[in-house]
Amino acid sequence: MMVRTRGAWRLGVFLSLLFILTASLGPVLYTADPNAQNLLAALSPPAAEYPLGTDQLGRDVLARVLHGARYSAGIAVAVIALSLVTGCALAGVAMWFGGAIAAALTLFSDAVYALPGLLVIILLADVLGGGAAVIIFLLWLVKWPEYFRLSYAVGNQLMNSDHVLASRLAGASGWRIFRFQVLPVMTSYLLSLGAVSVGQIVLSIATIGFLGVGIAPPQAEWGMMINDLRIYWQISPVQLAAPVAAIVWVVLALLIVSQSMPAPKPRNSDA
């Protein structure tokens, strides 16, 4: 496990923010059309007109990498938001009612979590067809149990901890206990899980794109770019390396963030 250091944390945050800025501002600042074809310039090496060269159809690789970043980031944000809301809401229901309802929700989430997620996504994507909405739905389908399991486990542990019991005896309200004792710790755990999940989602999107069951062409997507350029790697190594480097960059940055995130510190609910 990576040591929690300020240097590693700052590096991970910097690389992650750089990815966010690239995904949001890159296509705006670099306005080349990612789908414009120029067969006369197919597989051109990097030059002033094409900083990262062109692919087999003469499309600007840099423009496609930037638009691919926006596509991956957009899907990742949507999947994380849906999974977070679903998982936390169901965990709240399980904690509130307990008993058979909690047992049923836990069993159901465990059953979904036990499925081979990537294989399920590939099979269902092939059946349902590509498209951003389908990919978001399938990724949410296999991701929400992670947030339920974490929220339920951490929530139960915190609500039965000595600090919370002491606050209850001291007369602190349930809201103050949740706000100062539970929420800070829960948020830290969820942020760490979210960082890992984004990296996993980016890899999943690239994998299904590489296999040809993800987003439909001509949408720029990193996995699809790797699949298109892999047979030309000897004559166009830079073009192939660009989407590969982008995937490695994102996954590494988010892994550093998740592993070096500062430990949560509950506050005194009586303050």
Protein backbone atom coordinates (compact mmCIF):
# COMPACT_ATOMS: atom_id res chain seq x y z
CA MET A 1 0.00 0.00 0.00
CA MET A 2 1.25 3.46 -0.88
CA VAL A 3 2.42 5.62 2.01
CA ARG A 4 0.12 8.57 2.75
CA THR A 5 2.43 11.49 2.03
CA ARG A 6 1.68 15.06 1.05
CA GLY A 7 3.96 14.76 -1.97
CA ALA A 8 2.14 11.75 -3.38
CA TRP A 9 -1.25 13.32 -2.61
CA ARG A 10 -0.34 16.57 -4.36
CA LEU A 11 1.07 14.72 -7.36
CA GLY A 12 -2.06 12.61 -7.72
CA VAL A 13 -4.35 15.62 -7.36
CA PHE A 14 -2.30 17.61 -9.87
CA LEU A 15 -2.40 14.82 -12.47
CA SER A 16 -6.11 14.29 -11.89
CA LEU A 17 -6.91 17.98 -12.22
CA LEU A 18 -4.79 18.07 -15.37
CA PHE A 19 -6.92 15.29 -16.81
CA ILE A 20 -10.12 17.16 -15.91
CA LEU A 21 -8.84 20.34 -17.52
CA THR A 22 -7.71 18.43 -20.59
CA ALA A 23 -11.09 16.75 -20.95
CA SER A 24 -13.05 19.98 -20.45
CA LEU A 25 -10.86 22.58 -22.18
CA GLY A 26 -8.74 20.53 -24.59
CA PRO A 27 -11.34 20.24 -27.35
CA VAL A 28 -12.13 23.95 -26.92
CA LEU A 29 -8.53 25.15 -27.18
CA TYR A 30 -7.54 22.67 -29.89
CA THR A 31 -10.38 23.05 -32.36
CA ALA A 32 -9.39 20.51 -35.02
CA ASP A 33 -12.24 18.24 -36.08
CA PRO A 34 -11.59 14.74 -34.64
CA ASN A 35 -13.68 13.10 -37.36
CA ALA A 36 -12.38 15.00 -40.40
CA GLN A 37 -10.75 12.52 -42.79
CA ASN A 38 -7.85 13.19 -45.13
CA LEU A 39 -6.79 9.97 -46.81
CA LEU A 40 -3.91 11.74 -48.53
CA ALA A 41 -2.41 12.40 -45.08
CA ALA A 42 -3.14 8.94 -43.62
CA LEU A 43 -0.62 7.79 -40.99
CA SER A 44 1.32 11.03 -41.24
CA PRO A 45 4.04 11.49 -38.61
CA PRO A 46 3.81 14.29 -36.04
CA ALA A 47 4.17 17.71 -37.64
CA ALA A 48 3.03 21.28 -37.14
CA GLU A 49 -0.37 20.60 -38.72
CA TYR A 50 -0.83 17.32 -36.83
CA PRO A 51 1.11 17.45 -33.51
CA LEU A 52 0.58 13.71 -32.86
CA GLY A 53 0.21 12.64 -36.48
CA THR A 54 -2.84 11.10 -38.11
CA ASP A 55 -4.53 7.71 -38.04
CA GLN A 56 -5.26 5.32 -40.90
CA LEU A 57 -8.04 7.60 -42.17
CA GLY A 58 -6.02 10.78 -41.90
CA ARG A 59 -7.80 11.99 -38.76
CA ASP A 60 -5.97 14.21 -36.28
CA VAL A 61 -4.79 11.94 -33.44
CA LEU A 62 -4.39 14.78 -30.92
CA ALA A 63 -7.95 15.95 -31.54
CA ARG A 64 -9.24 12.40 -31.12
CA VAL A 65 -7.26 11.89 -27.90
CA LEU A 66 -8.69 15.11 -26.45
CA HIS A 67 -12.26 14.27 -27.43
CA GLY A 68 -11.72 10.74 -26.13
CA ALA A 69 -10.76 12.22 -22.77
CA ARG A 70 -14.00 14.21 -22.67
CA TYR A 71 -15.99 11.10 -23.58
CA SER A 72 -14.36 8.96 -20.88
CA ALA A 73 -14.62 11.69 -18.25
CA GLY A 74 -18.29 12.33 -19.01
CA ILE A 75 -19.24 8.69 -18.73
CA ALA A 76 -17.16 8.24 -15.56
CA VAL A 77 -18.83 11.21 -13.83
CA ALA A 78 -22.30 9.97 -14.76
CA VAL A 79 -21.59 6.42 -13.58
CA ILE A 80 -20.03 7.55 -10.29
CA ALA A 81 -22.91 9.94 -9.55
CA LEU A 82 -25.56 7.29 -10.22
CA SER A 83 -23.68 4.60 -8.30
CA LEU A 84 -23.06 6.91 -5.34
CA VAL A 85 -26.70 7.95 -5.06
CA THR A 86 -27.98 4.39 -5.47
CA GLY A 87 -25.48 2.81 -3.10
CA CYS A 88 -25.80 5.40 -0.34
CA ALA A 89 -29.60 5.51 -0.59
CA LEU A 90 -29.90 1.74 -0.31
CA ALA A 91 -27.38 1.69 2.53
CA GLY A 92 -29.46 4.29 4.35
CA VAL A 93 -32.59 2.15 3.89
CA ALA A 94 -30.73 -0.93 5.18
CA MET A 95 -29.43 0.92 8.24
CA TRP A 96 -32.79 2.52 9.00
CA PHE A 97 -34.97 -0.59 8.77
CA GLY A 98 -32.39 -3.29 9.52
CA GLY A 99 -33.57 -6.88 9.92
CA ALA A 100 -34.88 -8.70 6.86
CA ILE A 101 -34.70 -5.63 4.61
CA ALA A 102 -31.02 -5.07 5.40
CA ALA A 103 -30.32 -8.77 4.91
CA ALA A 104 -32.14 -8.82 1.55
CA LEU A 105 -30.35 -5.71 0.26
CA THR A 106 -27.00 -7.05 1.41
CA LEU A 107 -27.62 -10.41 -0.25
CA PHE A 108 -28.73 -8.76 -3.49
CA SER A 109 -25.71 -6.44 -3.61
CA ASP A 110 -23.38 -9.35 -2.86
CA ALA A 111 -24.92 -11.34 -5.71
CA VAL A 112 -24.46 -8.47 -8.18
CA TYR A 113 -20.95 -7.76 -6.87
CA ALA A 114 -19.99 -11.42 -7.37
CA LEU A 115 -20.74 -11.26 -11.10
CA PRO A 116 -17.74 -10.89 -13.46
CA GLY A 117 -18.43 -7.22 -14.12
CA LEU A 118 -16.39 -6.62 -17.26
CA LEU A 119 -17.63 -9.82 -18.87
CA VAL A 120 -21.24 -8.88 -18.12
CA ILE A 121 -20.68 -5.43 -19.63
CA ILE A 122 -19.13 -6.88 -22.79
CA LEU A 123 -21.91 -9.42 -23.29
CA LEU A 124 -24.76 -6.99 -22.64
CA ALA A 125 -23.15 -4.22 -24.68
CA ASP A 126 -22.97 -6.60 -27.61
CA VAL A 127 -26.66 -7.46 -27.18
CA LEU A 128 -27.98 -3.97 -26.46
CA GLY A 129 -25.66 -2.17 -28.87
CA GLY A 130 -23.22 0.64 -28.28
CA GLY A 131 -23.93 4.18 -27.22
CA ALA A 132 -23.13 6.34 -24.22
CA ALA A 133 -26.47 5.69 -22.49
CA VAL A 134 -26.06 1.91 -22.73
CA ILE A 135 -22.47 2.05 -21.47
CA ILE A 136 -23.46 4.26 -18.53
CA PHE A 137 -26.29 1.91 -17.60
CA LEU A 138 -24.11 -1.20 -17.77
CA LEU A 139 -21.28 0.35 -15.77
CA TRP A 140 -23.76 1.59 -13.14
CA LEU A 141 -25.23 -1.91 -12.98
CA VAL A 142 -21.94 -3.42 -11.81
CA LYS A 143 -20.66 -0.43 -9.82
CA TRP A 144 -23.43 0.52 -7.38
CA PRO A 145 -22.89 -2.52 -5.09
CA GLU A 146 -19.41 -1.24 -4.24
CA TYR A 147 -20.87 1.98 -2.87
CA PHE A 148 -23.65 0.17 -1.03
CA ARG A 149 -21.24 -2.26 0.63
CA LEU A 150 -18.83 0.49 1.67
CA SER A 151 -21.52 2.88 2.92
CA TYR A 152 -23.35 0.18 4.85
CA ALA A 153 -20.22 -1.31 6.44
CA VAL A 154 -18.62 2.00 7.38
CA GLY A 155 -21.93 3.51 8.50
CA ASN A 156 -22.69 0.61 10.83
CA GLN A 157 -19.19 0.65 12.23
CA LEU A 158 -19.28 4.37 12.90
CA MET A 159 -22.77 4.41 14.41
CA ASN A 160 -21.68 1.75 16.91
CA SER A 161 -18.30 3.29 17.69
CA ASP A 162 -17.33 4.56 21.14
CA HIS A 163 -17.20 8.18 19.90
CA VAL A 164 -20.78 8.08 18.63
CA LEU A 165 -22.05 6.29 21.74
CA ALA A 166 -20.34 8.88 23.92
CA SER A 167 -21.89 11.70 21.91
CA ARG A 168 -25.32 10.14 22.32
CA LEU A 169 -24.87 9.91 26.08
CA ALA A 170 -23.77 13.54 26.08
CA GLY A 171 -27.07 14.50 24.48
CA ALA A 172 -25.87 15.28 20.93
CA SER A 173 -28.60 15.13 18.30
CA GLY A 174 -28.60 12.52 15.57
CA TRP A 175 -27.96 15.20 12.93
CA ARG A 176 -24.92 16.59 14.77
CA ILE A 177 -23.54 13.09 15.24
CA PHE A 178 -23.99 12.37 11.53
CA ARG A 179 -22.53 15.72 10.48
CA PHE A 180 -19.42 15.71 12.66
CA GLN A 181 -18.72 12.04 13.44
CA VAL A 182 -20.02 10.05 10.47
CA LEU A 183 -20.03 12.30 7.40
CA PRO A 184 -16.31 13.30 7.39
CA VAL A 185 -15.14 9.70 7.63
CA MET A 186 -17.74 8.42 5.17
CA THR A 187 -16.84 11.14 2.66
CA SER A 188 -13.15 10.25 2.80
CA TYR A 189 -13.86 6.58 2.15
CA LEU A 190 -16.26 7.37 -0.69
CA LEU A 191 -13.79 9.78 -2.31
CA SER A 192 -11.10 7.13 -2.20
CA LEU A 193 -13.45 4.56 -3.72
CA GLY A 194 -14.57 7.10 -6.32
CA ALA A 195 -10.99 7.75 -7.42
CA VAL A 196 -10.37 4.03 -7.90
CA SER A 197 -13.72 3.62 -9.65
CA VAL A 198 -12.98 6.33 -12.22
CA GLY A 199 -9.76 4.56 -13.18
CA GLN A 200 -11.60 1.26 -13.45
CA ILE A 201 -14.33 2.86 -15.55
CA VAL A 202 -11.79 4.39 -17.94
CA LEU A 203 -10.17 0.96 -18.35
CA SER A 204 -13.56 -0.68 -18.89
CA ILE A 205 -14.56 1.88 -21.52
CA ALA A 206 -11.24 1.37 -23.31
CA THR A 207 -11.61 -2.41 -23.14
CA ILE A 208 -15.08 -2.55 -24.63
CA GLY A 209 -14.07 0.04 -27.21
CA PHE A 210 -11.06 -2.06 -28.16
CA LEU A 211 -13.34 -5.08 -28.59
CA GLY A 212 -15.69 -3.08 -30.79
CA VAL A 213 -18.78 -3.27 -28.58
CA GLY A 214 -18.59 0.20 -27.07
CA ILE A 215 -19.41 3.53 -28.62
CA ALA A 216 -20.08 3.49 -32.33
CA PRO A 217 -17.71 5.18 -34.81
CA PRO A 218 -16.80 7.88 -35.61
CA GLN A 219 -16.88 8.95 -31.93
CA ALA A 220 -13.32 9.32 -30.67
CA GLU A 221 -12.60 6.80 -27.90
CA TRP A 222 -9.24 5.60 -26.61
CA GLY A 223 -9.86 1.86 -26.80
CA MET A 224 -11.20 2.12 -30.33
CA MET A 225 -8.17 4.21 -31.31
CA ILE A 226 -5.82 1.53 -29.98
CA ASN A 227 -7.68 -1.15 -31.92
CA ASP A 228 -7.54 0.91 -35.13
CA LEU A 229 -3.84 1.75 -34.82
CA ARG A 230 -2.41 -1.48 -33.39
CA ILE A 231 -1.69 -3.01 -36.81
CA TYR A 232 0.27 0.12 -37.80
CA TRP A 233 2.40 0.32 -34.67
CA GLN A 234 5.66 -0.27 -36.56
CA ILE A 235 5.16 2.69 -38.89
CA SER A 236 3.12 4.90 -36.57
CA PRO A 237 4.28 4.25 -32.99
CA VAL A 238 3.52 7.77 -31.77
CA GLN A 239 -0.11 7.59 -32.86
CA LEU A 240 -0.60 4.30 -31.00
CA ALA A 241 1.29 5.48 -27.93
CA ALA A 242 -0.93 8.56 -27.52
CA PRO A 243 -4.16 6.82 -26.36
CA VAL A 244 -2.17 4.22 -24.42
CA ALA A 245 -0.32 6.98 -22.54
CA ALA A 246 -3.60 8.77 -21.86
CA ILE A 247 -5.11 5.68 -20.23
CA VAL A 248 -1.98 5.04 -18.15
CA TRP A 249 -1.90 8.70 -17.07
CA VAL A 250 -5.51 8.72 -15.83
CA VAL A 251 -5.39 5.36 -14.05
CA LEU A 252 -2.03 6.11 -12.39
CA ALA A 253 -3.13 9.57 -11.25
CA LEU A 254 -6.32 8.29 -9.67
CA LEU A 255 -4.54 5.35 -8.07
CA ILE A 256 -2.10 7.76 -6.43
CA VAL A 257 -4.99 9.90 -5.18
CA SER A 258 -6.87 6.95 -3.70
CA GLN A 259 -3.81 5.46 -2.00
CA SER A 260 -2.38 8.71 -0.60
CA MET A 261 -5.61 10.40 0.49
CA PRO A 262 -5.26 11.87 4.01
CA ALA A 263 -6.84 9.76 6.73
CA PRO A 264 -10.30 10.98 7.86
CA LYS A 265 -10.57 12.78 11.19
CA PRO A 266 -13.97 12.87 12.91
CA ARG A 267 -14.82 16.14 14.65
CA ASN A 268 -16.33 16.55 18.06
CA SER A 269 -20.10 16.62 17.66
CA ASP A 270 -20.42 18.54 20.91
CA ALA A 271 -18.44 21.47 19.55
